[in-house]
Amino acid sequence: MAQMNMIQALNSAMDVMLSRDPSVVLMGEDIGYFGGVFRTTEGLQRKYGQHRVLDTPIAEGGIVAAAIGMGVHGLRPVAEIQFADYIYPAFDQIVSELARLRYRSAGEFWAPVTIRTPCGGGIRGGQTHSQSPEGIFTHVCGVKVAMPSNPYDAKGMLIAAIEDDDPVLFFEPKRLYNGPFDGDPNKPAIPWSTHAKGEVPGGHYTVPLGKAEIVRSGSQLSIITYGTMVHVATAAAAAMGLDAEVIDLRSMVPLDSDTICNSVKKTGRCVVVHEATRFSGFGGELVALIQEQCFWHLEAPIQRVAGWDTPYPHAFEWEYFPGQARVKTALKAVMEAA
């Protein structure tokens, strides 16, 4: 297996699918000649041509609309939205058209569209380049929502998404593009140079959507999280010497409720962590699930750590970012509760 960071793993996934399936096409702003703003599609247009890797205008609604049309007519488009913050102009196309197509046609039509987009903070991107809107789309019936936390999962999950006949919103934590991040604000932002961070098979493989992973086994408490926060939460628990079980959701829709509930029933204590805004965030759905299915096993109130209810502040990025200090506070509270 090759050593890859997440950028290289995603590039490899698209390379594999372009070579394996002639119906796969890539499209997005600057993804062709330039190779994408984070270089995730670098070299693919040169290898497969402009008819397979398409540069598009700056028009997110048009990108998704075109992808829907392609999907209905037999292609498997992979559309890139350059930053998750820019996905809102395409919201109506995603919600009213893409997500509803199979249902409103009684299964006669469908569009196997994958929408890739970098999300999250930690690169000093400010309010318009740091958002985590994944929770908004989990409320939309008809789309799957996924977010990997490491290179191996990134490649396998992206291949699974492209091969899926249902639309998938594939969020990529850009703070992890060049390796894991434990929440230390003194570490530099993403460098443009690449460096290996994990073993990834070179060929085709899949990581199923809808199956969480226990990244760290434990018996004292359960930490339910995804994306960048997998690394932050794991580091916080280790620093406190806690025997914490860390669950990486990997996909929010479909949600692996069995793995979540089995863990909480075992440990009796739970902390939910995500980077997105707290109010009406996906963490609220997780807390509700655990409360409904694990109530009699809980030994303490569930704690929730998330971003503040404010636009992502450029000048106070690390105050907003749910780093180790805030995770440790929640871990301490849940362990000390009677």
Protein backbone atom coordinates (compact mmCIF):
# COMPACT_ATOMS: atom_id res chain seq x y z
CA MET A 1 0.00 0.00 0.00
CA ALA A 2 1.11 3.54 -0.72
CA GLN A 3 1.55 6.31 1.84
CA MET A 4 -0.98 9.05 1.05
CA ASN A 5 -2.48 12.10 2.65
CA MET A 6 -6.17 12.83 2.15
CA ILE A 7 -5.63 14.95 -0.97
CA GLN A 8 -3.71 12.13 -2.63
CA ALA A 9 -6.27 9.53 -1.50
CA LEU A 10 -9.17 11.51 -2.96
CA ASN A 11 -7.25 12.03 -6.18
CA SER A 12 -6.56 8.30 -6.34
CA ALA A 13 -10.26 7.51 -5.82
CA MET A 14 -11.28 9.70 -8.74
CA ASP A 15 -8.45 8.33 -10.88
CA VAL A 16 -9.59 4.76 -10.17
CA MET A 17 -13.20 5.53 -11.03
CA LEU A 18 -12.39 7.49 -14.19
CA SER A 19 -10.33 4.57 -15.48
CA ARG A 20 -12.81 1.93 -14.33
CA ASP A 21 -16.12 3.47 -15.42
CA PRO A 22 -16.48 5.53 -18.61
CA SER A 23 -19.71 7.07 -17.29
CA VAL A 24 -17.81 8.89 -14.51
CA VAL A 25 -17.12 12.57 -15.19
CA LEU A 26 -15.69 15.28 -12.95
CA MET A 27 -16.85 18.89 -13.02
CA GLY A 28 -16.22 22.04 -11.02
CA GLU A 29 -14.50 25.39 -10.81
CA ASP A 30 -10.77 25.22 -11.66
CA ILE A 31 -10.61 21.43 -11.28
CA GLY A 32 -9.16 20.76 -14.72
CA TYR A 33 -6.09 22.64 -15.88
CA PHE A 34 -5.44 24.08 -12.40
CA GLY A 35 -6.13 20.81 -10.56
CA GLY A 36 -8.46 22.37 -7.99
CA VAL A 37 -7.76 24.97 -5.34
CA PHE A 38 -6.44 22.21 -3.03
CA ARG A 39 -5.00 20.14 -5.91
CA THR A 40 -7.35 17.21 -5.29
CA THR A 41 -7.92 16.77 -9.04
CA GLU A 42 -4.37 17.54 -10.14
CA GLY A 43 -3.32 15.71 -13.31
CA LEU A 44 -6.70 14.13 -14.02
CA GLN A 45 -7.66 16.38 -16.92
CA ARG A 46 -4.31 15.78 -18.57
CA LYS A 47 -4.84 12.03 -18.19
CA TYR A 48 -8.52 11.75 -19.17
CA GLY A 49 -9.19 14.84 -21.26
CA GLN A 50 -11.46 17.86 -21.07
CA HIS A 51 -14.59 15.82 -21.84
CA ARG A 52 -14.13 13.76 -18.64
CA VAL A 53 -12.76 16.47 -16.32
CA LEU A 54 -14.67 19.69 -17.00
CA ASP A 55 -13.89 23.21 -15.85
CA THR A 56 -17.12 25.06 -15.13
CA PRO A 57 -18.16 28.69 -14.68
CA ILE A 58 -18.50 30.12 -11.19
CA ALA A 59 -22.12 29.06 -10.90
CA GLU A 60 -22.83 26.47 -8.24
CA GLY A 61 -26.52 26.20 -9.13
CA GLY A 62 -25.56 25.53 -12.73
CA ILE A 63 -22.92 22.98 -11.75
CA VAL A 64 -25.41 20.91 -9.75
CA ALA A 65 -28.20 21.36 -12.30
CA ALA A 66 -25.92 20.12 -15.08
CA ALA A 67 -24.83 17.20 -12.90
CA ILE A 68 -28.45 16.22 -12.34
CA GLY A 69 -29.10 16.23 -16.08
CA MET A 70 -26.00 14.13 -16.67
CA GLY A 71 -27.03 11.67 -13.96
CA VAL A 72 -30.54 11.24 -15.38
CA HIS A 73 -29.04 10.41 -18.77
CA GLY A 74 -26.71 7.67 -17.57
CA LEU A 75 -23.55 9.41 -16.39
CA ARG A 76 -22.06 9.41 -12.90
CA PRO A 77 -21.00 13.02 -12.37
CA VAL A 78 -18.75 14.04 -9.50
CA ALA A 79 -19.32 17.75 -8.96
CA GLU A 80 -16.94 19.80 -6.84
CA ILE A 81 -18.14 22.85 -4.94
CA GLN A 82 -14.90 24.72 -4.32
CA PHE A 83 -15.73 25.48 -0.66
CA ALA A 84 -18.74 24.24 1.32
CA ASP A 85 -19.52 27.90 1.99
CA TYR A 86 -20.39 28.25 -1.72
CA ILE A 87 -22.94 25.45 -1.82
CA TYR A 88 -25.94 27.61 -0.97
CA PRO A 89 -26.63 28.88 -4.51
CA ALA A 90 -27.15 25.20 -5.40
CA PHE A 91 -29.37 24.48 -2.40
CA ASP A 92 -32.63 24.58 -4.35
CA GLN A 93 -31.26 22.25 -7.03
CA ILE A 94 -30.08 19.79 -4.37
CA VAL A 95 -33.22 19.89 -2.22
CA SER A 96 -36.01 20.38 -4.77
CA GLU A 97 -34.58 18.39 -7.69
CA LEU A 98 -31.71 16.05 -6.86
CA ALA A 99 -33.04 14.73 -3.55
CA ARG A 100 -36.64 14.35 -4.79
CA LEU A 101 -36.11 12.92 -8.26
CA ARG A 102 -36.40 9.21 -7.47
CA TYR A 103 -39.41 9.75 -5.18
CA ARG A 104 -41.41 12.05 -7.44
CA SER A 105 -40.85 9.80 -10.49
CA ALA A 106 -41.82 6.65 -8.53
CA GLY A 107 -38.37 5.22 -9.19
CA GLU A 108 -38.45 5.81 -12.94
CA PHE A 109 -35.61 8.34 -12.82
CA TRP A 110 -32.62 8.82 -10.56
CA ALA A 111 -29.38 10.75 -10.62
CA PRO A 112 -26.24 9.12 -9.15
CA VAL A 113 -24.56 12.45 -8.42
CA THR A 114 -21.71 12.89 -5.95
CA ILE A 115 -21.09 16.43 -4.69
CA ARG A 116 -17.63 16.88 -3.17
CA THR A 117 -16.84 19.96 -1.11
CA PRO A 118 -14.11 21.01 1.38
CA CYS A 119 -15.53 22.08 4.74
CA GLY A 120 -14.53 23.26 8.19
CA GLY A 121 -12.03 25.68 9.65
CA GLY A 122 -8.49 25.57 10.89
CA ILE A 123 -6.89 27.17 7.83
CA ARG A 124 -7.57 30.81 8.71
CA GLY A 125 -10.24 31.07 6.03
CA GLY A 126 -12.64 33.36 7.86
CA GLN A 127 -16.41 33.36 7.70
CA THR A 128 -16.73 32.56 3.98
CA HIS A 129 -14.23 29.69 3.76
CA SER A 130 -14.69 27.79 7.02
CA GLN A 131 -18.29 26.67 7.33
CA SER A 132 -19.52 23.17 8.17
CA PRO A 133 -23.05 22.96 6.71
CA GLU A 134 -23.37 19.17 6.75
CA GLY A 135 -26.15 19.23 9.35
CA ILE A 136 -28.40 21.25 7.02
CA PHE A 137 -28.37 18.48 4.43
CA THR A 138 -29.00 15.66 6.89
CA HIS A 139 -32.51 17.14 7.18
CA VAL A 140 -33.12 16.65 3.45
CA CYS A 141 -34.80 13.35 2.60
CA GLY A 142 -33.23 11.67 -0.43
CA VAL A 143 -29.52 12.48 -0.11
CA LYS A 144 -26.74 10.71 1.73
CA VAL A 145 -24.23 12.75 3.74
CA ALA A 146 -20.68 11.60 4.48
CA MET A 147 -17.44 13.00 5.93
CA PRO A 148 -14.18 11.02 6.20
CA SER A 149 -11.53 11.60 8.85
CA ASN A 150 -8.51 9.86 7.32
CA PRO A 151 -7.01 9.02 3.90
CA TYR A 152 -8.04 5.34 3.85
CA ASP A 153 -11.67 6.17 4.52
CA ALA A 154 -11.59 9.15 2.18
CA LYS A 155 -10.69 7.02 -0.83
CA GLY A 156 -12.94 4.07 0.01
CA MET A 157 -15.92 6.24 0.90
CA LEU A 158 -15.58 8.41 -2.21
CA ILE A 159 -15.50 5.34 -4.45
CA ALA A 160 -18.58 4.02 -2.63
CA ALA A 161 -20.30 7.38 -3.11
CA ILE A 162 -19.55 7.48 -6.84
CA GLU A 163 -20.83 3.93 -7.28
CA ASP A 164 -23.99 4.64 -5.27
CA ASP A 165 -27.17 5.14 -7.32
CA ASP A 166 -28.40 7.74 -4.82
CA PRO A 167 -27.01 11.28 -4.54
CA VAL A 168 -24.25 11.75 -1.98
CA LEU A 169 -22.98 14.96 -0.40
CA PHE A 170 -19.33 14.25 0.38
CA PHE A 171 -17.84 16.74 2.83
CA GLU A 172 -14.03 16.83 3.09
CA PRO A 173 -12.46 18.44 6.21
CA LYS A 174 -9.81 20.59 4.61
CA ARG A 175 -7.83 20.88 7.86
CA LEU A 176 -7.13 17.15 7.42
CA TYR A 177 -6.12 17.33 3.76
CA ASN A 178 -2.43 17.10 4.62
CA GLY A 179 -2.64 14.99 7.75
CA PRO A 180 -4.39 14.62 11.13
CA PHE A 181 -4.91 17.63 13.38
CA ASP A 182 -5.26 17.31 17.15
CA GLY A 183 -6.63 20.80 17.74
CA ASP A 184 -3.39 22.52 18.70
CA PRO A 185 -3.75 26.10 17.36
CA ASN A 186 0.02 26.56 17.39
CA LYS A 187 0.39 24.08 14.57
CA PRO A 188 0.64 25.69 11.13
CA ALA A 189 -2.22 25.88 8.68
CA ILE A 190 -2.32 23.52 5.73
CA PRO A 191 0.94 23.73 3.77
CA TRP A 192 0.86 23.37 0.00
CA SER A 193 3.53 20.68 0.10
CA THR A 194 2.33 17.09 0.45
CA HIS A 195 3.50 14.56 2.98
CA ALA A 196 2.40 10.99 3.64
CA LYS A 197 0.00 10.37 6.48
CA GLY A 198 -1.50 6.90 6.05
CA GLU A 199 -1.46 3.63 4.15
CA VAL A 200 -3.95 3.54 1.28
CA PRO A 201 -4.37 0.76 -1.31
CA GLY A 202 -3.58 1.86 -4.83
CA GLY A 203 -6.50 0.15 -6.56
CA HIS A 204 -10.24 -0.15 -6.14
CA TYR A 205 -11.84 -0.73 -2.73
CA THR A 206 -14.84 0.66 -0.89
CA VAL A 207 -15.68 1.74 2.63
CA PRO A 208 -19.46 1.39 3.01
CA LEU A 209 -21.56 4.45 3.70
CA GLY A 210 -23.63 4.08 6.83
CA LYS A 211 -21.10 2.14 8.90
CA ALA A 212 -19.35 3.90 11.78
CA GLU A 213 -15.89 2.93 13.01
CA ILE A 214 -14.64 2.46 16.56
CA VAL A 215 -11.30 4.24 16.24
CA ARG A 216 -10.44 3.84 19.92
CA SER A 217 -11.97 1.23 22.23
CA GLY A 218 -12.75 2.13 25.82
CA SER A 219 -15.01 1.49 28.77
CA GLN A 220 -15.29 4.75 30.73
CA LEU A 221 -17.22 6.91 28.27
CA SER A 222 -18.19 7.20 24.61
CA ILE A 223 -17.21 10.11 22.34
CA ILE A 224 -19.39 10.36 19.23
CA THR A 225 -17.87 12.51 16.51
CA TYR A 226 -16.73 12.78 12.89
CA GLY A 227 -14.30 14.60 10.60
CA THR A 228 -11.56 16.72 12.15
CA MET A 229 -13.01 16.28 15.61
CA VAL A 230 -12.13 12.57 15.60
CA HIS A 231 -8.48 13.52 16.02
CA VAL A 232 -9.16 16.37 18.45
CA ALA A 233 -11.37 14.23 20.70
CA THR A 234 -8.97 11.28 20.65
CA ALA A 235 -6.06 13.53 21.63
CA ALA A 236 -8.08 15.16 24.43
CA ALA A 237 -9.12 11.81 25.92
CA ALA A 238 -5.55 10.49 25.73
CA ALA A 239 -4.18 13.63 27.37
CA MET A 240 -6.59 13.15 30.29
CA GLY A 241 -5.71 9.47 30.63
CA LEU A 242 -9.33 8.41 30.05
CA ASP A 243 -10.33 5.00 28.75
CA ALA A 244 -12.67 6.61 26.21
CA GLU A 245 -14.29 4.88 23.27
CA VAL A 246 -14.18 7.13 20.20
CA ILE A 247 -16.76 6.53 17.46
CA ASP A 248 -16.12 8.03 14.01
CA LEU A 249 -19.55 8.25 12.36
CA ARG A 250 -18.04 8.53 8.85
CA SER A 251 -21.53 9.12 7.44
CA MET A 252 -24.42 11.00 9.01
CA VAL A 253 -27.00 9.70 6.53
CA PRO A 254 -27.38 6.78 6.72
CA LEU A 255 -26.49 6.76 10.41
CA ASP A 256 -25.07 3.71 12.17
CA SER A 257 -27.24 3.95 15.28
CA ASP A 258 -26.36 0.42 16.40
CA THR A 259 -22.65 1.18 16.87
CA ILE A 260 -23.49 4.41 18.71
CA CYS A 261 -26.01 2.85 21.07
CA ASN A 262 -23.98 -0.28 21.76
CA SER A 263 -21.07 1.90 22.82
CA VAL A 264 -23.13 4.18 25.08
CA LYS A 265 -24.93 1.23 26.68
CA LYS A 266 -21.50 -0.22 27.49
CA THR A 267 -19.92 2.94 28.93
CA GLY A 268 -22.93 4.78 30.37
CA ARG A 269 -21.43 8.20 29.63
CA CYS A 270 -21.31 10.17 26.38
CA VAL A 271 -19.86 13.31 24.82
CA VAL A 272 -20.91 14.42 21.32
CA VAL A 273 -18.44 16.58 19.41
CA HIS A 274 -18.65 18.39 16.07
CA GLU A 275 -17.17 21.56 14.58
CA ALA A 276 -20.40 22.98 13.15
CA THR A 277 -22.61 25.46 14.97
CA ARG A 278 -24.22 24.04 18.10
CA PHE A 279 -27.84 25.25 17.81
CA SER A 280 -29.83 22.82 15.62
CA GLY A 281 -26.56 21.09 14.76
CA PHE A 282 -26.30 17.39 13.99
CA GLY A 283 -25.18 16.80 17.55
CA GLY A 284 -28.74 17.51 18.67
CA GLU A 285 -29.97 14.55 16.60
CA LEU A 286 -27.30 12.33 18.14
CA VAL A 287 -28.25 13.40 21.66
CA ALA A 288 -31.93 12.68 20.91
CA LEU A 289 -31.08 9.22 19.55
CA ILE A 290 -29.00 8.34 22.60
CA GLN A 291 -31.63 9.71 24.99
CA GLU A 292 -34.38 7.67 23.32
CA GLN A 293 -32.50 4.38 23.04
CA CYS A 294 -29.97 4.44 25.90
CA PHE A 295 -31.72 6.40 28.67
CA TRP A 296 -31.69 3.64 31.30
CA HIS A 297 -27.98 3.02 30.69
CA LEU A 298 -26.86 6.65 31.15
CA GLU A 299 -25.00 7.52 34.34
CA ALA A 300 -24.59 11.22 33.53
CA PRO A 301 -26.16 13.88 31.28
CA ILE A 302 -24.86 13.83 27.71
CA GLN A 303 -22.37 16.62 27.00
CA ARG A 304 -22.16 18.41 23.66
CA VAL A 305 -19.15 20.32 22.24
CA ALA A 306 -19.58 22.34 19.04
CA GLY A 307 -18.83 25.60 17.27
CA TRP A 308 -20.31 28.82 18.62
CA ASP A 309 -23.61 30.17 17.30
CA THR A 310 -21.97 32.86 15.22
CA PRO A 311 -20.32 33.19 11.81
CA TYR A 312 -16.81 31.74 11.83
CA PRO A 313 -14.66 34.66 13.07
CA HIS A 314 -11.40 35.22 11.24
CA ALA A 315 -9.72 37.00 14.13
CA PHE A 316 -10.87 34.48 16.77
CA GLU A 317 -10.60 31.23 14.86
CA TRP A 318 -9.21 29.21 17.75
CA GLU A 319 -11.81 30.52 20.19
CA TYR A 320 -14.50 29.26 17.81
CA PHE A 321 -12.81 25.98 16.90
CA PRO A 322 -13.78 23.23 19.39
CA GLY A 323 -10.24 22.38 20.42
CA GLN A 324 -8.86 20.09 23.08
CA ALA A 325 -9.53 22.50 25.94
CA ARG A 326 -13.28 22.60 25.31
CA VAL A 327 -13.45 18.85 24.73
CA LYS A 328 -11.57 18.23 27.99
CA THR A 329 -14.04 20.42 29.88
CA ALA A 330 -16.93 18.27 28.58
CA LEU A 331 -15.07 15.03 29.35
CA LYS A 332 -14.37 16.23 32.89
CA ALA A 333 -18.03 17.19 33.40
CA VAL A 334 -19.40 13.87 32.23
CA MET A 335 -16.92 11.87 34.30
CA GLU A 336 -17.55 13.85 37.49
CA ALA A 337 -21.35 13.76 37.25
CA ALA A 338 -23.05 11.53 39.78
